[in-house]
């Protein structure tokens, strides 16, 4: 009727965490991060691959993994795309800073200039394995890193990819849940998304 009304459509529920000091929040976060990385370092082999770029995600995970891997007797192999021609996106200085703090890690670099087009655009492309939509969307540079990991004896590789998708929803998350026959979880996640 031409009238404007304002009403609250949400209610903020406090969890009690708001009462924690900044130091307590940081300690809680670091504890959770360390436990998460420790759980993902499980491997039957002593060599574990970890993607390492200059971004916050991978540098944080690799930095936390350093002391944990030493305690577990694991050898960490970092896998990094670097760029010789596209110097404005080359993250070698940030990568090197992490490696300097973790001298026992074995670094591997792949010069990836021109390798970020989807691999299915190459005339000689064929599926390497049955991976669903992931294989088509992964650029050759990533497969190159996985080849390096395999040559180094790494049977598992920790990546920072798809973290946002897990939190924000993505067809790849649903594909993975359905592949593992976790239909109930896929439906719950779909309802939330």
N, C-alpha and C. Protein backbone atom coordinates (compact mmCIF):
# COMPACT_ATOMS: atom_id res chain seq x y z
N UNK A 1 0.83 -1.20 0.00
CA UNK A 1 0.00 0.00 0.00
C UNK A 1 0.87 1.25 0.00
N UNK A 2 2.06 1.16 -0.55
CA UNK A 2 2.93 2.32 -0.61
C UNK A 2 3.64 2.61 0.71
N UNK A 3 3.54 1.70 1.68
CA UNK A 3 4.21 1.92 2.97
C UNK A 3 5.46 1.06 3.05
N UNK A 4 6.44 1.57 3.71
CA UNK A 4 7.68 0.85 3.91
C UNK A 4 7.72 0.35 5.35
N UNK A 5 8.00 -0.94 5.52
CA UNK A 5 8.15 -1.46 6.88
C UNK A 5 9.51 -2.14 6.99
N UNK A 6 10.11 -2.02 8.13
CA UNK A 6 11.42 -2.63 8.38
C UNK A 6 11.25 -3.64 9.50
N UNK A 7 11.70 -4.87 9.22
CA UNK A 7 11.64 -5.89 10.26
C UNK A 7 12.88 -6.78 10.19
N UNK A 8 13.29 -7.26 11.30
CA UNK A 8 14.47 -8.12 11.39
C UNK A 8 14.10 -9.51 10.91
N UNK A 9 14.88 -10.07 9.97
CA UNK A 9 14.59 -11.41 9.45
C UNK A 9 15.64 -12.43 9.91
N UNK A 10 16.55 -12.02 10.75
CA UNK A 10 17.55 -12.93 11.26
C UNK A 10 17.80 -12.62 12.72
N UNK A 11 18.41 -13.57 13.39
CA UNK A 11 18.74 -13.39 14.80
C UNK A 11 20.15 -13.92 15.02
N UNK A 12 21.01 -13.10 15.57
CA UNK A 12 22.40 -13.50 15.82
C UNK A 12 22.47 -14.34 17.08
N UNK A 13 22.95 -15.56 16.92
CA UNK A 13 23.12 -16.43 18.07
C UNK A 13 24.58 -16.43 18.48
N UNK A 14 24.84 -16.12 19.72
CA UNK A 14 26.23 -16.12 20.19
C UNK A 14 26.62 -17.55 20.56
N UNK A 15 27.85 -17.87 20.27
CA UNK A 15 28.34 -19.23 20.54
C UNK A 15 29.21 -19.29 21.77
N UNK A 16 29.51 -18.17 22.36
CA UNK A 16 30.41 -18.17 23.51
C UNK A 16 31.85 -17.88 23.11
N UNK A 17 32.18 -18.09 21.81
CA UNK A 17 33.54 -17.85 21.34
C UNK A 17 33.87 -16.36 21.34
N UNK A 18 32.82 -15.53 21.35
CA UNK A 18 33.04 -14.08 21.34
C UNK A 18 33.74 -13.61 22.61
N UNK A 19 33.70 -14.43 23.65
CA UNK A 19 34.31 -14.06 24.92
C UNK A 19 35.79 -14.42 24.99
N UNK A 20 36.30 -15.10 23.96
CA UNK A 20 37.70 -15.49 23.97
C UNK A 20 38.59 -14.29 23.64
N UNK A 21 39.77 -14.28 24.21
CA UNK A 21 40.73 -13.23 23.88
C UNK A 21 41.31 -13.51 22.49
N UNK A 22 41.97 -12.52 21.92
CA UNK A 22 42.58 -12.71 20.61
C UNK A 22 43.61 -13.83 20.63
N UNK A 23 44.40 -13.91 21.69
CA UNK A 23 45.40 -14.99 21.82
C UNK A 23 44.73 -16.36 21.87
N UNK A 24 43.59 -16.45 22.57
CA UNK A 24 42.87 -17.72 22.65
C UNK A 24 42.29 -18.13 21.30
N UNK A 25 41.81 -17.16 20.55
CA UNK A 25 41.27 -17.44 19.21
C UNK A 25 42.39 -17.95 18.30
N UNK A 26 43.54 -17.27 18.32
CA UNK A 26 44.68 -17.67 17.49
C UNK A 26 45.14 -19.07 17.88
N UNK A 27 45.26 -19.34 19.18
CA UNK A 27 45.69 -20.65 19.65
C UNK A 27 44.70 -21.74 19.23
N UNK A 28 43.42 -21.47 19.33
CA UNK A 28 42.40 -22.43 18.91
C UNK A 28 42.50 -22.71 17.41
N UNK A 29 42.68 -21.65 16.62
CA UNK A 29 42.81 -21.81 15.18
C UNK A 29 44.05 -22.63 14.83
N UNK A 30 45.20 -22.28 15.43
CA UNK A 30 46.44 -23.01 15.14
C UNK A 30 46.34 -24.48 15.54
N UNK A 31 45.71 -24.74 16.66
CA UNK A 31 45.52 -26.12 17.10
C UNK A 31 44.70 -26.91 16.09
N UNK A 32 43.62 -26.31 15.61
CA UNK A 32 42.77 -26.97 14.62
C UNK A 32 43.52 -27.17 13.30
N UNK A 33 44.26 -26.15 12.87
CA UNK A 33 45.03 -26.26 11.63
C UNK A 33 46.08 -27.36 11.73
N UNK A 34 46.82 -27.40 12.84
CA UNK A 34 47.85 -28.42 13.01
C UNK A 34 47.26 -29.82 13.02
N UNK A 35 46.15 -30.00 13.70
CA UNK A 35 45.51 -31.32 13.75
C UNK A 35 45.00 -31.72 12.37
N UNK A 36 44.45 -30.78 11.64
CA UNK A 36 43.95 -31.04 10.29
C UNK A 36 45.09 -31.47 9.37
N UNK A 37 46.21 -30.76 9.41
CA UNK A 37 47.36 -31.11 8.58
C UNK A 37 47.93 -32.46 9.00
N UNK A 38 48.06 -32.68 10.31
CA UNK A 38 48.59 -33.97 10.80
C UNK A 38 47.75 -35.13 10.27
N UNK A 39 46.44 -35.00 10.32
CA UNK A 39 45.56 -36.06 9.83
C UNK A 39 45.75 -36.32 8.34
N UNK A 40 46.04 -35.28 7.58
CA UNK A 40 46.18 -35.42 6.13
C UNK A 40 47.57 -35.85 5.71
N UNK A 41 48.49 -35.93 6.63
CA UNK A 41 49.84 -36.40 6.31
C UNK A 41 49.95 -37.93 6.40
N UNK A 42 48.83 -38.59 6.63
CA UNK A 42 48.86 -40.06 6.68
C UNK A 42 49.27 -40.58 5.31
N UNK A 43 50.22 -41.48 5.29
CA UNK A 43 50.66 -42.06 4.04
C UNK A 43 51.42 -43.34 4.34
N UNK A 44 51.24 -44.33 3.48
CA UNK A 44 52.01 -45.57 3.64
C UNK A 44 53.45 -45.36 3.20
N UNK A 45 53.66 -44.38 2.36
CA UNK A 45 54.99 -44.06 1.89
C UNK A 45 55.58 -42.95 2.75
N UNK A 46 56.87 -42.85 2.76
CA UNK A 46 57.54 -41.80 3.54
C UNK A 46 57.56 -40.47 2.81
N UNK A 47 57.32 -40.49 1.50
CA UNK A 47 57.33 -39.26 0.71
C UNK A 47 55.92 -38.74 0.52
N UNK A 48 55.70 -37.49 0.90
CA UNK A 48 54.40 -36.84 0.74
C UNK A 48 54.60 -35.57 -0.07
N UNK A 49 53.77 -35.39 -1.10
CA UNK A 49 53.83 -34.19 -1.91
C UNK A 49 52.90 -33.13 -1.37
N UNK A 50 53.31 -31.88 -1.51
CA UNK A 50 52.47 -30.75 -1.09
C UNK A 50 52.61 -29.65 -2.12
N UNK A 51 51.46 -29.22 -2.67
CA UNK A 51 51.51 -28.09 -3.59
C UNK A 51 51.87 -26.84 -2.80
N UNK A 52 52.75 -26.03 -3.36
CA UNK A 52 53.20 -24.82 -2.69
C UNK A 52 53.25 -23.67 -3.68
N UNK A 53 52.37 -22.70 -3.47
CA UNK A 53 52.41 -21.47 -4.25
C UNK A 53 52.84 -20.37 -3.30
N UNK A 54 52.67 -19.15 -3.70
CA UNK A 54 53.00 -18.04 -2.82
C UNK A 54 51.80 -17.53 -2.04
N UNK A 55 50.66 -18.21 -2.15
CA UNK A 55 49.44 -17.77 -1.48
C UNK A 55 49.41 -18.16 -0.01
N UNK A 56 48.45 -17.60 0.70
CA UNK A 56 48.34 -17.84 2.13
C UNK A 56 47.99 -19.28 2.48
N UNK A 57 47.11 -19.92 1.67
CA UNK A 57 46.67 -21.26 2.00
C UNK A 57 47.82 -22.25 2.01
N UNK A 58 48.49 -22.40 0.86
CA UNK A 58 49.53 -23.42 0.77
C UNK A 58 50.74 -23.09 1.64
N UNK A 59 51.11 -21.82 1.74
CA UNK A 59 52.26 -21.49 2.58
C UNK A 59 51.97 -21.80 4.05
N UNK A 60 50.74 -21.58 4.48
CA UNK A 60 50.38 -21.90 5.87
C UNK A 60 50.41 -23.40 6.10
N UNK A 61 49.82 -24.15 5.19
CA UNK A 61 49.76 -25.61 5.35
C UNK A 61 51.16 -26.22 5.32
N UNK A 62 51.98 -25.80 4.36
CA UNK A 62 53.35 -26.34 4.26
C UNK A 62 54.16 -25.96 5.50
N UNK A 63 54.01 -24.74 5.97
CA UNK A 63 54.77 -24.30 7.16
C UNK A 63 54.38 -25.10 8.39
N UNK A 64 53.11 -25.39 8.53
CA UNK A 64 52.65 -26.21 9.67
C UNK A 64 53.11 -27.65 9.50
N UNK A 65 53.14 -28.14 8.26
CA UNK A 65 53.50 -29.54 7.99
C UNK A 65 54.97 -29.83 8.27
N UNK A 66 55.82 -28.82 8.16
CA UNK A 66 57.26 -29.04 8.35
C UNK A 66 57.60 -29.76 9.65
N UNK A 67 57.32 -29.16 10.80
CA UNK A 67 57.66 -29.82 12.07
C UNK A 67 56.89 -31.12 12.29
N UNK A 68 55.65 -31.18 11.83
CA UNK A 68 54.85 -32.40 12.01
C UNK A 68 55.45 -33.55 11.21
N UNK A 69 55.86 -33.27 9.97
CA UNK A 69 56.42 -34.32 9.12
C UNK A 69 57.73 -34.85 9.69
N UNK A 70 58.53 -33.96 10.26
CA UNK A 70 59.78 -34.41 10.88
C UNK A 70 59.50 -35.35 12.04
N UNK A 71 58.52 -35.02 12.86
CA UNK A 71 58.17 -35.87 14.00
C UNK A 71 57.63 -37.22 13.53
N UNK A 72 56.96 -37.26 12.37
CA UNK A 72 56.40 -38.50 11.84
C UNK A 72 57.39 -39.27 10.96
N UNK A 73 58.56 -38.68 10.72
CA UNK A 73 59.56 -39.32 9.88
C UNK A 73 59.21 -39.30 8.40
N UNK A 74 58.47 -38.30 7.97
CA UNK A 74 58.07 -38.17 6.57
C UNK A 74 58.99 -37.21 5.83
N UNK A 75 59.09 -37.40 4.54
CA UNK A 75 59.85 -36.49 3.69
C UNK A 75 58.85 -35.71 2.83
N UNK A 76 58.86 -34.39 2.98
CA UNK A 76 57.93 -33.54 2.23
C UNK A 76 58.59 -33.07 0.94
N UNK A 77 57.87 -33.25 -0.16
CA UNK A 77 58.29 -32.77 -1.47
C UNK A 77 57.31 -31.67 -1.87
N UNK A 78 57.79 -30.43 -1.98
CA UNK A 78 56.91 -29.34 -2.39
C UNK A 78 56.87 -29.29 -3.92
N UNK A 79 55.70 -28.95 -4.43
CA UNK A 79 55.46 -28.92 -5.87
C UNK A 79 54.96 -27.54 -6.24
N UNK A 80 55.74 -26.82 -7.04
CA UNK A 80 55.41 -25.42 -7.33
C UNK A 80 55.47 -25.12 -8.82
N UNK A 81 54.43 -24.47 -9.30
CA UNK A 81 54.46 -23.89 -10.65
C UNK A 81 55.19 -22.56 -10.56
N UNK A 82 56.12 -22.33 -11.46
CA UNK A 82 56.80 -21.04 -11.53
C UNK A 82 56.73 -20.55 -12.98
N UNK A 83 56.99 -19.28 -13.16
CA UNK A 83 56.81 -18.68 -14.48
C UNK A 83 58.05 -17.87 -14.85
N UNK A 84 58.66 -18.22 -15.97
CA UNK A 84 59.85 -17.52 -16.44
C UNK A 84 59.46 -16.28 -17.24
N UNK A 85 58.40 -16.40 -18.05
CA UNK A 85 58.00 -15.29 -18.91
C UNK A 85 57.02 -14.36 -18.21
N UNK A 86 56.09 -14.90 -17.50
CA UNK A 86 55.06 -14.09 -16.82
C UNK A 86 55.55 -13.75 -15.41
N UNK A 87 56.53 -12.90 -15.35
CA UNK A 87 57.16 -12.58 -14.06
C UNK A 87 56.22 -11.91 -13.07
N UNK A 88 55.16 -11.25 -13.56
CA UNK A 88 54.23 -10.58 -12.65
C UNK A 88 53.37 -11.58 -11.86
N UNK A 89 53.32 -12.85 -12.28
CA UNK A 89 52.58 -13.85 -11.51
C UNK A 89 53.50 -14.90 -10.89
N UNK A 90 54.79 -14.75 -11.09
CA UNK A 90 55.74 -15.70 -10.53
C UNK A 90 55.86 -15.48 -9.03
N UNK A 91 55.65 -16.53 -8.26
CA UNK A 91 55.62 -16.41 -6.80
C UNK A 91 56.86 -17.00 -6.13
N UNK A 92 57.94 -17.11 -6.88
CA UNK A 92 59.17 -17.71 -6.33
C UNK A 92 59.67 -17.06 -5.05
N UNK A 93 59.64 -15.73 -4.92
CA UNK A 93 60.13 -15.16 -3.66
C UNK A 93 59.34 -15.63 -2.43
N UNK A 94 58.02 -15.72 -2.55
CA UNK A 94 57.20 -16.18 -1.43
C UNK A 94 57.42 -17.67 -1.18
N UNK A 95 57.54 -18.45 -2.26
CA UNK A 95 57.80 -19.88 -2.14
C UNK A 95 59.15 -20.10 -1.46
N UNK A 96 60.15 -19.34 -1.89
CA UNK A 96 61.49 -19.50 -1.33
C UNK A 96 61.52 -19.14 0.15
N UNK A 97 60.75 -18.16 0.56
CA UNK A 97 60.70 -17.79 1.99
C UNK A 97 60.21 -18.97 2.83
N UNK A 98 59.23 -19.70 2.33
CA UNK A 98 58.73 -20.88 3.05
C UNK A 98 59.79 -21.98 3.06
N UNK A 99 60.44 -22.19 1.91
CA UNK A 99 61.47 -23.22 1.83
C UNK A 99 62.66 -22.90 2.73
N UNK A 100 63.00 -21.63 2.85
CA UNK A 100 64.11 -21.22 3.73
C UNK A 100 63.82 -21.58 5.18
N UNK A 101 62.56 -21.53 5.57
CA UNK A 101 62.17 -21.87 6.95
C UNK A 101 62.02 -23.37 7.15
N UNK A 102 62.00 -24.12 6.04
CA UNK A 102 61.83 -25.57 6.10
C UNK A 102 62.89 -26.25 5.23
N UNK A 103 64.16 -26.17 5.65
CA UNK A 103 65.26 -26.63 4.78
C UNK A 103 65.28 -28.13 4.52
N UNK A 104 64.55 -28.93 5.29
CA UNK A 104 64.56 -30.38 5.07
C UNK A 104 63.59 -30.81 3.98
N UNK A 105 62.77 -29.90 3.50
CA UNK A 105 61.83 -30.22 2.43
C UNK A 105 62.56 -30.24 1.09
N UNK A 106 62.09 -31.09 0.19
CA UNK A 106 62.68 -31.19 -1.14
C UNK A 106 61.78 -30.42 -2.11
N UNK A 107 62.27 -29.31 -2.66
CA UNK A 107 61.44 -28.52 -3.58
C UNK A 107 61.51 -29.04 -5.01
N UNK A 108 60.40 -28.95 -5.71
CA UNK A 108 60.31 -29.29 -7.14
C UNK A 108 59.58 -28.14 -7.82
N UNK A 109 60.12 -27.70 -8.94
CA UNK A 109 59.55 -26.57 -9.67
C UNK A 109 59.22 -27.01 -11.09
N UNK A 110 58.11 -26.51 -11.59
CA UNK A 110 57.71 -26.74 -12.98
C UNK A 110 57.50 -25.38 -13.62
N UNK A 111 58.26 -25.08 -14.67
CA UNK A 111 58.04 -23.83 -15.39
C UNK A 111 56.76 -24.00 -16.21
N UNK A 112 55.74 -23.25 -15.83
CA UNK A 112 54.38 -23.48 -16.33
C UNK A 112 53.89 -22.43 -17.31
N UNK A 113 54.79 -21.62 -17.88
CA UNK A 113 54.36 -20.63 -18.87
C UNK A 113 53.58 -21.33 -19.98
N UNK A 114 52.40 -20.85 -20.29
CA UNK A 114 51.59 -21.40 -21.37
C UNK A 114 50.93 -22.73 -21.08
N UNK A 115 50.95 -23.18 -19.84
CA UNK A 115 50.39 -24.50 -19.51
C UNK A 115 49.06 -24.42 -18.77
N UNK A 116 48.41 -23.28 -18.79
CA UNK A 116 47.18 -23.17 -18.01
C UNK A 116 45.90 -23.17 -18.83
N UNK A 117 45.99 -23.50 -20.11
CA UNK A 117 44.76 -23.72 -20.88
C UNK A 117 44.24 -25.10 -20.50
N UNK A 118 42.93 -25.31 -20.56
CA UNK A 118 42.42 -26.66 -20.25
C UNK A 118 43.05 -27.68 -21.17
N UNK A 119 43.49 -28.78 -20.63
CA UNK A 119 44.22 -29.77 -21.41
C UNK A 119 43.38 -30.38 -22.52
N UNK A 120 42.06 -30.40 -22.37
CA UNK A 120 41.22 -31.03 -23.39
C UNK A 120 41.21 -30.23 -24.69
N UNK A 121 41.80 -29.03 -24.71
CA UNK A 121 41.89 -28.25 -25.93
C UNK A 121 43.06 -28.69 -26.82
N UNK A 122 44.00 -29.46 -26.26
CA UNK A 122 45.12 -29.95 -27.06
C UNK A 122 44.63 -31.02 -28.04
N UNK A 123 45.17 -31.01 -29.25
CA UNK A 123 44.72 -31.95 -30.28
C UNK A 123 45.05 -33.40 -29.94
N UNK A 124 46.11 -33.63 -29.16
CA UNK A 124 46.49 -35.00 -28.82
C UNK A 124 46.00 -35.43 -27.44
N UNK A 125 45.03 -34.72 -26.85
CA UNK A 125 44.56 -35.03 -25.50
C UNK A 125 43.71 -36.30 -25.51
N UNK A 126 43.88 -37.08 -24.49
CA UNK A 126 43.02 -38.24 -24.24
C UNK A 126 42.90 -38.39 -22.74
N UNK A 127 41.83 -38.97 -22.23
CA UNK A 127 41.67 -39.12 -20.77
C UNK A 127 42.75 -40.04 -20.22
N UNK A 128 43.42 -39.60 -19.17
CA UNK A 128 44.46 -40.41 -18.53
C UNK A 128 43.85 -41.44 -17.60
N UNK A 129 42.71 -41.11 -17.03
CA UNK A 129 42.03 -42.01 -16.12
C UNK A 129 40.61 -41.52 -15.94
N UNK A 130 39.80 -42.29 -15.28
CA UNK A 130 38.42 -41.89 -15.07
C UNK A 130 38.36 -41.04 -13.81
N UNK A 131 38.25 -39.72 -13.98
CA UNK A 131 38.22 -38.80 -12.84
C UNK A 131 36.98 -37.92 -12.88
N UNK A 132 36.07 -38.19 -13.78
CA UNK A 132 34.90 -37.34 -13.86
C UNK A 132 35.25 -35.97 -14.36
N UNK A 133 34.54 -34.96 -13.92
CA UNK A 133 34.76 -33.61 -14.46
C UNK A 133 36.10 -33.01 -14.09
N UNK A 134 36.77 -33.56 -13.07
CA UNK A 134 38.05 -32.99 -12.67
C UNK A 134 39.11 -33.09 -13.76
N UNK A 135 39.15 -34.22 -14.46
CA UNK A 135 40.22 -34.39 -15.43
C UNK A 135 40.13 -33.38 -16.56
N UNK A 136 38.94 -33.02 -16.97
CA UNK A 136 38.78 -32.06 -18.05
C UNK A 136 39.18 -30.66 -17.59
N UNK A 137 38.91 -30.33 -16.32
CA UNK A 137 39.14 -28.96 -15.86
C UNK A 137 40.54 -28.72 -15.34
N UNK A 138 41.34 -29.76 -15.14
CA UNK A 138 42.69 -29.58 -14.60
C UNK A 138 43.64 -29.23 -15.74
N UNK A 139 44.35 -28.12 -15.62
CA UNK A 139 45.29 -27.74 -16.70
C UNK A 139 46.53 -28.63 -16.70
N UNK A 140 47.24 -28.68 -17.83
CA UNK A 140 48.44 -29.51 -17.93
C UNK A 140 49.49 -29.20 -16.87
N UNK A 141 49.55 -27.96 -16.40
CA UNK A 141 50.54 -27.62 -15.37
C UNK A 141 50.32 -28.43 -14.10
N UNK A 142 49.08 -28.66 -13.74
CA UNK A 142 48.79 -29.44 -12.54
C UNK A 142 49.17 -30.90 -12.77
N UNK A 143 48.83 -31.45 -13.94
CA UNK A 143 49.24 -32.82 -14.23
C UNK A 143 50.76 -32.93 -14.22
N UNK A 144 51.45 -31.87 -14.68
CA UNK A 144 52.91 -31.88 -14.64
C UNK A 144 53.43 -31.98 -13.22
N UNK A 145 52.80 -31.26 -12.29
CA UNK A 145 53.20 -31.36 -10.88
C UNK A 145 52.95 -32.76 -10.34
N UNK A 146 51.82 -33.36 -10.72
CA UNK A 146 51.51 -34.71 -10.24
C UNK A 146 52.49 -35.73 -10.81
N UNK A 147 52.93 -35.52 -12.06
CA UNK A 147 53.96 -36.39 -12.63
C UNK A 147 55.26 -36.30 -11.84
N UNK A 148 55.62 -35.07 -11.45
CA UNK A 148 56.83 -34.87 -10.64
C UNK A 148 56.67 -35.58 -9.29
N UNK A 149 55.51 -35.45 -8.68
CA UNK A 149 55.26 -36.11 -7.39
C UNK A 149 55.40 -37.62 -7.54
N UNK A 150 54.85 -38.17 -8.60
CA UNK A 150 54.94 -39.61 -8.82
C UNK A 150 56.39 -40.06 -8.99
N UNK A 151 57.15 -39.28 -9.76
CA UNK A 151 58.57 -39.59 -9.96
C UNK A 151 59.35 -39.52 -8.65
N UNK A 152 58.93 -38.65 -7.73
CA UNK A 152 59.60 -38.51 -6.43
C UNK A 152 59.14 -39.56 -5.43
N UNK A 153 58.22 -40.43 -5.85
CA UNK A 153 57.75 -41.49 -4.95
C UNK A 153 56.64 -41.06 -4.01
N UNK A 154 55.97 -39.97 -4.31
CA UNK A 154 54.86 -39.50 -3.48
C UNK A 154 53.57 -40.18 -3.93
N UNK A 155 52.92 -40.85 -3.00
CA UNK A 155 51.64 -41.49 -3.34
C UNK A 155 50.47 -40.62 -2.96
N UNK A 156 50.72 -39.57 -2.18
CA UNK A 156 49.65 -38.63 -1.84
C UNK A 156 50.20 -37.21 -1.98
N UNK A 157 49.29 -36.31 -2.38
CA UNK A 157 49.65 -34.91 -2.56
C UNK A 157 48.59 -34.06 -1.88
N UNK A 158 49.03 -33.20 -0.98
CA UNK A 158 48.11 -32.27 -0.34
C UNK A 158 47.99 -31.03 -1.22
N UNK A 159 46.76 -30.62 -1.46
CA UNK A 159 46.52 -29.44 -2.28
C UNK A 159 45.65 -28.47 -1.50
N UNK A 160 45.63 -27.24 -1.93
CA UNK A 160 44.74 -26.26 -1.32
C UNK A 160 43.54 -25.99 -2.21
N UNK A 161 43.48 -26.75 -3.31
CA UNK A 161 42.41 -26.52 -4.26
C UNK A 161 41.06 -26.98 -3.73
N UNK A 162 40.05 -26.26 -4.10
CA UNK A 162 38.65 -26.57 -3.82
C UNK A 162 38.25 -26.33 -2.38
N UNK A 163 39.08 -25.67 -1.59
CA UNK A 163 38.67 -25.32 -0.23
C UNK A 163 37.46 -24.42 -0.21
N UNK A 164 37.45 -23.40 -1.06
CA UNK A 164 36.30 -22.50 -1.12
C UNK A 164 35.06 -23.23 -1.59
N UNK A 165 35.23 -24.16 -2.53
CA UNK A 165 34.09 -24.89 -3.05
C UNK A 165 33.45 -25.76 -1.98
N UNK A 166 34.29 -26.34 -1.11
CA UNK A 166 33.74 -27.16 -0.03
C UNK A 166 32.86 -26.32 0.88
N UNK A 167 33.29 -25.09 1.14
CA UNK A 167 32.52 -24.21 2.01
C UNK A 167 31.35 -23.55 1.29
N UNK A 168 31.53 -23.21 0.02
CA UNK A 168 30.52 -22.44 -0.70
C UNK A 168 29.64 -23.25 -1.63
N UNK A 169 29.94 -24.52 -1.82
CA UNK A 169 29.16 -25.35 -2.72
C UNK A 169 29.70 -25.33 -4.14
N UNK A 170 29.74 -26.49 -4.78
CA UNK A 170 30.24 -26.61 -6.13
C UNK A 170 29.85 -27.99 -6.63
N UNK A 171 29.66 -28.14 -7.92
CA UNK A 171 29.26 -29.44 -8.46
C UNK A 171 30.32 -30.51 -8.18
N UNK A 172 31.60 -30.11 -8.06
CA UNK A 172 32.65 -31.09 -7.79
C UNK A 172 32.46 -31.74 -6.42
N UNK A 173 31.97 -30.96 -5.45
CA UNK A 173 31.72 -31.51 -4.12
C UNK A 173 30.63 -32.56 -4.21
N UNK A 174 29.55 -32.24 -4.92
CA UNK A 174 28.45 -33.20 -5.08
C UNK A 174 28.90 -34.44 -5.84
N UNK A 175 29.70 -34.23 -6.87
CA UNK A 175 30.22 -35.36 -7.65
C UNK A 175 31.01 -36.29 -6.73
N UNK A 176 31.87 -35.73 -5.90
CA UNK A 176 32.69 -36.55 -5.01
C UNK A 176 31.83 -37.29 -3.99
N UNK A 177 30.86 -36.62 -3.41
CA UNK A 177 29.98 -37.28 -2.44
C UNK A 177 29.19 -38.41 -3.10
N UNK A 178 28.68 -38.17 -4.29
CA UNK A 178 27.92 -39.22 -4.97
C UNK A 178 28.83 -40.38 -5.39
N UNK A 179 30.05 -40.07 -5.80
CA UNK A 179 31.02 -41.11 -6.17
C UNK A 179 31.29 -42.04 -4.99
N UNK A 180 31.27 -41.47 -3.79
CA UNK A 180 31.53 -42.24 -2.58
C UNK A 180 30.23 -42.76 -1.94
N UNK A 181 29.13 -42.65 -2.67
CA UNK A 181 27.81 -43.13 -2.21
C UNK A 181 27.35 -42.46 -0.92
N UNK A 182 27.70 -41.20 -0.73
CA UNK A 182 27.28 -40.46 0.46
C UNK A 182 26.11 -39.55 0.08
N UNK A 183 25.01 -40.20 -0.31
CA UNK A 183 23.84 -39.52 -0.83
C UNK A 183 23.20 -38.61 0.22
N UNK A 184 23.09 -39.11 1.45
CA UNK A 184 22.49 -38.30 2.52
C UNK A 184 23.24 -37.01 2.75
N UNK A 185 24.58 -37.09 2.79
CA UNK A 185 25.37 -35.88 3.00
C UNK A 185 25.23 -34.93 1.81
N UNK A 186 25.18 -35.49 0.59
CA UNK A 186 25.00 -34.65 -0.60
C UNK A 186 23.66 -33.91 -0.54
N UNK A 187 22.62 -34.60 -0.11
CA UNK A 187 21.30 -33.97 -0.02
C UNK A 187 21.28 -32.88 1.06
N UNK A 188 21.89 -33.17 2.22
CA UNK A 188 21.96 -32.16 3.29
C UNK A 188 22.72 -30.93 2.81
N UNK A 189 23.85 -31.14 2.15
CA UNK A 189 24.67 -30.03 1.66
C UNK A 189 23.90 -29.24 0.60
N UNK A 190 23.18 -29.96 -0.28
CA UNK A 190 22.40 -29.29 -1.31
C UNK A 190 21.32 -28.41 -0.68
N UNK A 191 20.69 -28.90 0.37
CA UNK A 191 19.66 -28.12 1.07
C UNK A 191 20.25 -26.85 1.66
N UNK A 192 21.44 -26.95 2.26
CA UNK A 192 22.11 -25.78 2.84
C UNK A 192 22.52 -24.81 1.75
N UNK A 193 23.10 -25.34 0.66
CA UNK A 193 23.57 -24.47 -0.44
C UNK A 193 22.39 -23.78 -1.10
